Amino acid sequence: MLDFLSVLDFFKDNLPDPLDRLAYPIAGMTLAMIVINAVVMSTALYTWFERRVLGRFQSRRGPNRWGPFGLLQPMADVVKLLAKEDIIPDTADKPAFTIAPILLLVPMFLVFAVIPFGADSFLGRLNVGVLFILGVTGVSTLAIFMAGWASRNKYAMFGAIRAVAMLISYEVPMALAVTGVVVLAGSMSLLGIVGAQSVPYFLVQPLGFFVFMTAAAAEMSRAPFDMIEAESELGGGYITEYAGMKFGILQLAEFMAPLATAAVATVLFLGGTSGFDPIPGQLWFLAKAFALVFLMLWVRATWPRLRVDQIMGFAWKALLPLALLNMFVVAIELVVLQDSDTGAITRGDLWAMAAVNWVIAVVAIVITANVLGQRRLRPETPVPSPLANMAAEAD
């Protein structure tokens, strides 16, 4: 059992009476160190895994020099970044320039602090966990804008503006997709949502799951939505002027984002720690999160980068209507199926909803693709040029 109250009780029982008042801050610092170290080490391992898998997708080896199978490559990267000079442009807004990377990293740690890894294995016990996650992740928009503004670099500023526009646009369909989950579970508590999933919600709400994962990929600036760091146009985007460990912190937050997204999606749509005995729930959680991470990595390795107008149009013309459709369909189904006295909904009702919603999802996605998709281009019939036989006619 790992939550704040259990750690607090441990320190209260073991600290001498004069130091009893320090139990609360010590418990908080202990949990903070657990979260920070576990997440940072997981992110370091994920950077190695991503680079190795991308290498396989692209028919190359990936990192393979430092350690067995290249496992020590993340450590080598950290040493390299620590040895690099921390350069700040003379014209930069130095306080904002320094705070921006930290402001981008902290929300990732806060997300992991409220993820339930079991009935009694979570650090923050919140009855509004969904609202908390939506709130803290929204801070990344401010951090990215601060990084671009403080750099006093036109490419960084353009990248930051493009990022803010994209992040705000995709936050709307993502929030609506999460609303469908909250309405169906009848709770904003992450633990309550996990407990309500007698049938995983990605089966009951396939359209909501699709919208959430797509919007999350855009929020993370992952391919095919990585337009805010387009090397051919903006250099490194909002991180153009960053070097040394400031650059390292920004990269840490970027690679940590898929892990946080996979953890949140596992709780909201895959039932969290639910599974089959005798496998522990924590292992089920890790397996589901790993599957989602691999899915996002597969998409990154497969799809080409979109244009900025395509990215923005997809948010407002495709994902927003699909998210609204999912929310209203789920609400109507609840009114029809739930018990009028208790408001409960049975496992059979959830399977019935899944059958209906899969049909609606397929039809809606096909219609959206045909309405918004590019028309199939047919090559014109080649016409010989009248100049082709000039030399022969002249002879």
Protein backbone atom coordinates (compact mmCIF):
# COMPACT_ATOMS: atom_id res chain seq x y z
CA MET A 1 0.00 0.00 0.00
CA LEU A 2 1.61 3.23 -1.17
CA ASP A 3 -0.25 6.47 -0.66
CA PHE A 4 0.42 9.65 1.25
CA LEU A 5 -1.48 8.66 4.37
CA SER A 6 0.36 5.37 4.76
CA VAL A 7 3.75 7.06 4.35
CA LEU A 8 2.71 9.79 6.78
CA ASP A 9 1.63 7.22 9.36
CA PHE A 10 4.96 5.42 8.97
CA PHE A 11 6.97 8.53 9.77
CA LYS A 12 4.68 9.51 12.65
CA ASP A 13 5.19 6.10 14.22
CA ASN A 14 8.97 6.02 13.78
CA LEU A 15 10.11 9.61 14.31
CA PRO A 16 10.98 10.75 17.88
CA ASP A 17 8.33 12.88 19.57
CA PRO A 18 10.28 16.19 19.17
CA LEU A 19 10.44 15.58 15.39
CA ASP A 20 6.83 14.46 15.04
CA ARG A 21 5.86 17.76 13.44
CA LEU A 22 8.29 17.05 10.60
CA ALA A 23 6.43 13.89 9.56
CA TYR A 24 4.22 15.75 7.07
CA PRO A 25 6.98 17.48 5.02
CA ILE A 26 9.22 14.39 5.18
CA ALA A 27 6.39 12.21 3.86
CA GLY A 28 5.76 14.70 1.05
CA MET A 29 9.44 14.84 0.10
CA THR A 30 9.70 11.04 0.20
CA LEU A 31 6.78 10.61 -2.19
CA ALA A 32 8.13 13.36 -4.45
CA MET A 33 11.48 11.56 -4.67
CA ILE A 34 9.72 8.28 -5.45
CA VAL A 35 7.72 9.83 -8.28
CA ILE A 36 10.61 11.85 -9.72
CA ASN A 37 13.14 9.01 -9.71
CA ALA A 38 10.75 6.37 -11.00
CA VAL A 39 9.45 8.59 -13.80
CA VAL A 40 12.89 9.88 -14.84
CA MET A 41 14.37 6.38 -14.98
CA SER A 42 11.36 5.12 -16.93
CA THR A 43 11.72 8.01 -19.36
CA ALA A 44 15.43 7.29 -19.84
CA LEU A 45 14.59 3.67 -20.65
CA TYR A 46 11.83 4.82 -23.00
CA THR A 47 14.22 7.05 -24.99
CA TRP A 48 16.39 3.99 -25.62
CA PHE A 49 13.36 1.87 -26.52
CA GLU A 50 11.96 4.50 -28.91
CA ARG A 51 15.25 4.96 -30.74
CA ARG A 52 15.76 1.21 -31.06
CA VAL A 53 12.22 0.60 -32.35
CA LEU A 54 12.42 3.52 -34.79
CA GLY A 55 15.67 2.03 -36.04
CA ARG A 56 13.90 -1.28 -36.68
CA PHE A 57 11.06 0.48 -38.50
CA GLN A 58 13.59 2.33 -40.67
CA SER A 59 15.85 -0.69 -41.30
CA ARG A 60 18.78 0.53 -39.19
CA ARG A 61 20.29 -0.44 -35.86
CA GLY A 62 19.61 2.47 -33.54
CA PRO A 63 21.86 3.11 -30.50
CA ASN A 64 24.03 0.06 -29.90
CA ARG A 65 27.46 1.26 -28.73
CA TRP A 66 27.13 2.19 -25.05
CA GLY A 67 26.39 -0.87 -22.95
CA PRO A 68 24.69 -4.10 -24.00
CA PHE A 69 22.21 -3.36 -26.79
CA GLY A 70 22.93 0.35 -26.27
CA LEU A 71 21.17 0.42 -22.88
CA LEU A 72 23.63 2.97 -21.47
CA GLN A 73 22.99 5.45 -24.29
CA PRO A 74 20.61 7.58 -22.15
CA MET A 75 23.34 7.88 -19.49
CA ALA A 76 25.85 8.92 -22.16
CA ASP A 77 23.40 11.57 -23.40
CA VAL A 78 23.01 12.96 -19.87
CA VAL A 79 26.78 13.19 -19.43
CA LYS A 80 27.08 14.94 -22.78
CA LEU A 81 24.39 17.50 -21.88
CA LEU A 82 25.97 18.16 -18.49
CA ALA A 83 29.29 18.87 -20.20
CA LYS A 84 27.79 21.34 -22.68
CA GLU A 85 27.87 25.07 -21.98
CA ASP A 86 24.60 26.57 -20.77
CA ILE A 87 24.23 29.49 -23.17
CA ILE A 88 21.61 32.22 -22.68
CA PRO A 89 21.24 34.84 -25.45
CA ASP A 90 22.11 38.39 -24.40
CA THR A 91 18.71 39.68 -25.52
CA ALA A 92 16.73 36.90 -23.81
CA ASP A 93 14.38 37.46 -20.90
CA LYS A 94 16.59 35.47 -18.54
CA PRO A 95 14.10 34.69 -15.71
CA ALA A 96 11.40 33.49 -18.11
CA PHE A 97 14.03 31.69 -20.24
CA THR A 98 15.15 29.72 -17.18
CA ILE A 99 11.72 29.01 -15.70
CA ALA A 100 10.10 27.76 -18.94
CA PRO A 101 11.78 24.30 -19.01
CA ILE A 102 10.91 23.69 -15.35
CA LEU A 103 7.33 24.80 -15.94
CA LEU A 104 7.05 22.33 -18.81
CA LEU A 105 8.44 19.43 -16.75
CA VAL A 106 6.56 19.81 -13.46
CA PRO A 107 3.05 19.00 -14.84
CA MET A 108 4.32 15.61 -16.03
CA PHE A 109 5.33 14.69 -12.48
CA LEU A 110 1.99 15.92 -11.12
CA VAL A 111 0.10 13.69 -13.54
CA PHE A 112 1.93 10.59 -12.29
CA ALA A 113 1.25 11.61 -8.69
CA VAL A 114 -2.50 10.98 -9.08
CA ILE A 115 -2.45 7.89 -11.34
CA PRO A 116 -3.92 4.91 -9.42
CA PHE A 117 -1.68 1.85 -9.80
CA GLY A 118 -4.09 -0.16 -7.65
CA ALA A 119 -6.84 0.20 -5.08
CA ASP A 120 -4.32 1.32 -2.45
CA SER A 121 -1.34 2.25 -4.64
CA PHE A 122 -1.51 5.89 -5.56
CA LEU A 123 0.18 8.96 -4.21
CA GLY A 124 -2.52 11.60 -4.48
CA ARG A 125 -6.11 10.73 -3.53
CA LEU A 126 -8.34 13.14 -5.45
CA ASN A 127 -12.05 12.88 -6.14
CA VAL A 128 -11.59 15.23 -9.12
CA GLY A 129 -8.56 13.53 -10.65
CA VAL A 130 -9.76 14.06 -14.24
CA LEU A 131 -10.17 17.78 -13.70
CA PHE A 132 -6.76 17.95 -12.02
CA ILE A 133 -5.02 16.26 -14.98
CA LEU A 134 -6.72 18.52 -17.52
CA GLY A 135 -5.74 21.54 -15.45
CA VAL A 136 -2.07 20.77 -14.85
CA THR A 137 -1.39 19.60 -18.41
CA GLY A 138 -2.79 22.89 -19.69
CA VAL A 139 0.16 24.64 -18.04
CA SER A 140 2.45 23.26 -20.78
CA THR A 141 0.89 25.72 -23.22
CA LEU A 142 2.08 28.61 -21.05
CA ALA A 143 5.54 27.05 -20.67
CA ILE A 144 6.01 26.65 -24.43
CA PHE A 145 4.92 30.23 -25.08
CA MET A 146 7.31 31.46 -22.37
CA ALA A 147 10.20 29.54 -23.97
CA GLY A 148 9.57 31.09 -27.38
CA TRP A 149 8.91 34.60 -26.09
CA ALA A 150 11.89 34.67 -23.75
CA SER A 151 14.30 33.50 -26.47
CA ARG A 152 13.93 36.72 -28.49
CA ASN A 153 14.31 34.63 -31.63
CA LYS A 154 11.84 34.88 -34.50
CA TYR A 155 11.99 31.15 -35.27
CA ALA A 156 11.44 30.27 -31.62
CA MET A 157 8.57 32.76 -31.43
CA PHE A 158 6.91 31.42 -34.58
CA GLY A 159 7.26 27.90 -33.21
CA ALA A 160 5.74 28.94 -29.88
CA ILE A 161 2.80 30.71 -31.54
CA ARG A 162 2.17 27.71 -33.75
CA ALA A 163 2.38 25.44 -30.68
CA VAL A 164 -0.07 27.52 -28.64
CA ALA A 165 -2.60 27.58 -31.48
CA MET A 166 -2.32 23.82 -31.94
CA LEU A 167 -2.40 22.94 -28.24
CA ILE A 168 -5.46 25.07 -27.52
CA SER A 169 -7.24 23.67 -30.57
CA TYR A 170 -6.68 20.04 -29.61
CA GLU A 171 -7.47 20.55 -25.93
CA VAL A 172 -11.13 21.08 -26.84
CA PRO A 173 -11.82 17.68 -28.48
CA MET A 174 -9.64 15.95 -25.87
CA ALA A 175 -11.71 17.44 -23.03
CA LEU A 176 -14.92 16.41 -24.79
CA ALA A 177 -13.64 12.86 -25.22
CA VAL A 178 -12.85 12.71 -21.50
CA THR A 179 -16.32 14.11 -20.76
CA GLY A 180 -17.85 11.02 -22.37
CA VAL A 181 -15.87 8.85 -19.93
CA VAL A 182 -16.92 10.95 -16.93
CA VAL A 183 -20.58 10.85 -17.95
CA LEU A 184 -20.51 7.07 -18.38
CA ALA A 185 -18.61 6.38 -15.13
CA GLY A 186 -20.57 8.95 -13.13
CA SER A 187 -17.38 10.07 -11.39
CA MET A 188 -14.39 12.36 -11.88
CA SER A 189 -12.25 10.22 -9.61
CA LEU A 190 -9.67 8.16 -11.50
CA LEU A 191 -10.18 5.27 -9.07
CA GLY A 192 -13.94 5.51 -9.58
CA ILE A 193 -13.54 5.43 -13.36
CA VAL A 194 -11.38 2.31 -13.13
CA GLY A 195 -13.94 0.63 -10.88
CA ALA A 196 -16.80 1.43 -13.24
CA GLN A 197 -15.16 -0.31 -16.22
CA SER A 198 -16.65 -3.78 -16.08
CA VAL A 199 -16.18 -3.45 -19.85
CA PRO A 200 -13.17 -1.39 -20.95
CA TYR A 201 -14.29 1.99 -22.21
CA PHE A 202 -12.24 1.78 -25.39
CA LEU A 203 -14.74 -0.91 -26.44
CA VAL A 204 -17.75 1.05 -25.21
CA GLN A 205 -16.54 4.40 -26.62
CA PRO A 206 -14.26 3.65 -29.59
CA LEU A 207 -14.89 7.10 -31.03
CA GLY A 208 -13.93 8.78 -27.76
CA PHE A 209 -10.77 6.64 -27.53
CA PHE A 210 -9.79 7.58 -31.10
CA VAL A 211 -10.34 11.28 -30.45
CA PHE A 212 -8.44 11.20 -27.17
CA MET A 213 -5.37 9.40 -28.55
CA THR A 214 -5.26 11.57 -31.67
CA ALA A 215 -5.59 14.80 -29.70
CA ALA A 216 -2.97 13.55 -27.23
CA ALA A 217 -0.51 12.92 -30.07
CA ALA A 218 -1.02 16.50 -31.21
CA GLU A 219 -0.68 17.82 -27.65
CA MET A 220 2.67 16.03 -27.39
CA SER A 221 3.78 17.40 -30.78
CA ARG A 222 4.41 13.87 -32.00
CA ALA A 223 4.40 12.88 -35.66
CA PRO A 224 2.40 13.50 -37.72
CA PHE A 225 1.62 16.62 -35.65
CA ASP A 226 5.21 17.77 -34.98
CA MET A 227 4.84 21.04 -36.87
CA ILE A 228 6.00 23.25 -33.98
CA GLU A 229 9.54 21.85 -34.37
CA ALA A 230 9.66 21.63 -38.16
CA GLU A 231 13.38 21.64 -38.92
CA SER A 232 12.89 22.78 -42.51
CA GLU A 233 11.02 25.93 -41.43
CA LEU A 234 11.64 26.76 -37.78
CA GLY A 235 14.85 25.03 -36.78
CA GLY A 236 14.11 23.59 -33.36
CA GLY A 237 10.98 25.70 -32.87
CA TYR A 238 10.58 27.09 -29.37
CA ILE A 239 13.72 25.25 -28.15
CA THR A 240 16.03 26.75 -30.79
CA GLU A 241 18.02 28.88 -28.33
CA TYR A 242 18.24 26.31 -25.53
CA ALA A 243 21.46 24.43 -24.76
CA GLY A 244 22.96 22.27 -22.03
CA MET A 245 20.68 20.93 -19.33
CA LYS A 246 17.90 23.41 -20.14
CA PHE A 247 17.66 21.67 -23.50
CA GLY A 248 17.91 18.34 -21.65
CA ILE A 249 14.97 19.23 -19.39
CA LEU A 250 12.85 20.18 -22.40
CA GLN A 251 13.70 16.87 -24.06
CA LEU A 252 12.96 15.02 -20.83
CA ALA A 253 9.49 16.57 -20.71
CA GLU A 254 8.93 15.72 -24.38
CA PHE A 255 9.86 12.05 -23.93
CA MET A 256 7.95 11.85 -20.64
CA ALA A 257 4.73 12.98 -22.31
CA PRO A 258 4.01 9.64 -24.10
CA LEU A 259 4.39 7.77 -20.80
CA ALA A 260 2.00 10.17 -19.04
CA THR A 261 -0.49 9.97 -21.90
CA ALA A 262 -0.36 6.17 -21.92
CA ALA A 263 -0.90 6.06 -18.14
CA VAL A 264 -3.91 8.41 -18.33
CA ALA A 265 -5.43 6.56 -21.31
CA THR A 266 -4.96 3.24 -19.49
CA VAL A 267 -6.97 4.56 -16.56
CA LEU A 268 -9.69 6.21 -18.65
CA PHE A 269 -10.21 3.65 -21.41
CA LEU A 270 -8.41 0.36 -20.63
CA GLY A 271 -9.59 -0.31 -17.09
CA GLY A 272 -6.37 0.57 -15.27
CA THR A 273 -5.21 -2.36 -13.15
CA SER A 274 -8.17 -4.62 -13.95
CA GLY A 275 -7.27 -7.98 -15.46
CA PHE A 276 -7.27 -11.69 -14.81
CA ASP A 277 -5.86 -13.48 -11.79
CA PRO A 278 -3.26 -14.50 -10.74
CA ILE A 279 -1.39 -11.73 -12.59
CA PRO A 280 -1.14 -8.65 -10.30
CA GLY A 281 -3.03 -5.54 -11.32
CA GLN A 282 0.16 -3.47 -11.49
CA LEU A 283 1.51 -5.78 -14.21
CA TRP A 284 -1.74 -5.45 -16.14
CA PHE A 285 -1.43 -1.68 -15.90
CA LEU A 286 2.15 -1.72 -17.22
CA ALA A 287 1.24 -4.10 -20.06
CA LYS A 288 -1.65 -1.89 -21.19
CA ALA A 289 0.43 1.28 -20.96
CA PHE A 290 3.25 -0.37 -22.91
CA ALA A 291 0.79 -1.37 -25.66
CA LEU A 292 -0.38 2.24 -25.97
CA VAL A 293 3.20 3.55 -26.02
CA PHE A 294 4.06 1.12 -28.80
CA LEU A 295 0.91 2.16 -30.72
CA MET A 296 1.92 5.83 -30.54
CA LEU A 297 5.45 4.93 -31.58
CA TRP A 298 4.12 2.93 -34.52
CA VAL A 299 2.09 5.93 -35.69
CA ARG A 300 5.13 8.19 -35.36
CA ALA A 301 7.25 5.86 -37.47
CA THR A 302 4.57 5.46 -40.15
CA TRP A 303 2.80 8.74 -40.86
CA PRO A 304 4.45 11.69 -42.60
CA ARG A 305 4.33 15.20 -41.18
CA LEU A 306 1.17 17.20 -41.94
CA ARG A 307 0.99 20.81 -43.04
CA VAL A 308 0.02 23.34 -40.41
CA ASP A 309 -3.32 24.10 -42.14
CA GLN A 310 -4.10 20.38 -42.24
CA ILE A 311 -3.32 20.05 -38.53
CA MET A 312 -5.57 22.94 -37.53
CA GLY A 313 -8.35 21.93 -39.88
CA PHE A 314 -8.29 18.36 -38.58
CA ALA A 315 -8.84 19.58 -35.01
CA TRP A 316 -11.85 21.77 -35.73
CA LYS A 317 -13.42 20.03 -38.72
CA ALA A 318 -12.87 16.38 -37.78
CA LEU A 319 -12.04 15.74 -34.12
CA LEU A 320 -14.41 18.33 -32.63
CA PRO A 321 -17.54 17.00 -34.43
CA LEU A 322 -16.53 13.40 -33.64
CA ALA A 323 -16.01 14.24 -29.96
CA LEU A 324 -19.40 15.98 -29.77
CA LEU A 325 -21.06 13.03 -31.52
CA ASN A 326 -19.51 10.60 -29.04
CA MET A 327 -20.57 12.66 -26.04
CA PHE A 328 -24.20 13.04 -27.17
CA VAL A 329 -24.51 9.38 -28.21
CA VAL A 330 -23.22 8.20 -24.82
CA ALA A 331 -25.58 10.59 -23.00
CA ILE A 332 -28.59 9.36 -24.99
CA GLU A 333 -27.67 5.72 -24.41
CA LEU A 334 -27.37 6.33 -20.67
CA VAL A 335 -30.81 7.92 -20.54
CA VAL A 336 -32.29 4.91 -22.34
CA LEU A 337 -30.38 2.08 -20.61
CA GLN A 338 -29.62 3.09 -17.03
CA ASP A 339 -31.89 2.07 -14.16
CA SER A 340 -34.40 4.82 -13.48
CA ASP A 341 -34.19 4.40 -9.70
CA THR A 342 -30.50 3.78 -8.98
CA GLY A 343 -28.95 5.18 -12.15
CA ALA A 344 -26.85 2.01 -12.45
CA ILE A 345 -25.90 0.44 -15.76
CA THR A 346 -25.24 -3.27 -16.13
CA ARG A 347 -22.43 -5.11 -17.86
CA GLY A 348 -24.88 -6.28 -20.52
CA ASP A 349 -25.91 -2.69 -21.18
CA LEU A 350 -22.25 -1.74 -21.67
CA TRP A 351 -21.82 -4.50 -24.24
CA ALA A 352 -24.95 -3.30 -26.04
CA MET A 353 -23.53 0.22 -26.08
CA ALA A 354 -20.25 -1.13 -27.44
CA ALA A 355 -22.02 -2.86 -30.33
CA VAL A 356 -23.93 0.30 -31.26
CA ASN A 357 -21.00 2.67 -30.77
CA TRP A 358 -18.61 0.66 -32.96
CA VAL A 359 -21.05 0.93 -35.86
CA ILE A 360 -21.45 4.66 -35.24
CA ALA A 361 -17.69 5.13 -34.97
CA VAL A 362 -16.93 3.35 -38.24
CA VAL A 363 -19.65 5.21 -40.12
CA ALA A 364 -18.64 8.59 -38.65
CA ILE A 365 -14.94 8.13 -39.45
CA VAL A 366 -15.68 6.97 -43.01
CA ILE A 367 -17.97 9.94 -43.63
CA THR A 368 -15.45 12.36 -42.14
CA ALA A 369 -12.64 10.91 -44.24
CA ASN A 370 -14.68 11.19 -47.43
CA VAL A 371 -15.83 14.74 -46.70
CA LEU A 372 -12.48 16.14 -45.53
CA GLY A 373 -10.04 13.80 -47.27
CA GLN A 374 -8.10 14.69 -50.37
CA ARG A 375 -9.75 13.54 -53.56
CA ARG A 376 -7.96 10.76 -55.35
CA LEU A 377 -5.81 12.33 -58.04
CA ARG A 378 -5.80 10.76 -61.49
CA PRO A 379 -2.83 11.43 -63.74
CA GLU A 380 -3.67 13.18 -66.97
CA THR A 381 -3.30 11.30 -70.23
CA PRO A 382 0.11 12.21 -71.63
CA VAL A 383 0.00 14.30 -74.81
CA PRO A 384 3.05 14.28 -77.09
CA SER A 385 4.63 17.67 -77.50
CA PRO A 386 4.43 19.21 -80.99
CA LEU A 387 8.10 20.04 -80.64
CA ALA A 388 9.10 16.42 -80.25
CA ASN A 389 9.40 15.70 -84.00
CA MET A 390 10.67 19.09 -85.19
CA ALA A 391 14.11 17.75 -86.01
CA ALA A 392 12.69 14.87 -88.11
CA GLU A 393 10.33 17.18 -90.04
CA ALA A 394 13.16 19.60 -90.76
CA ASP A 395 15.19 16.78 -92.34
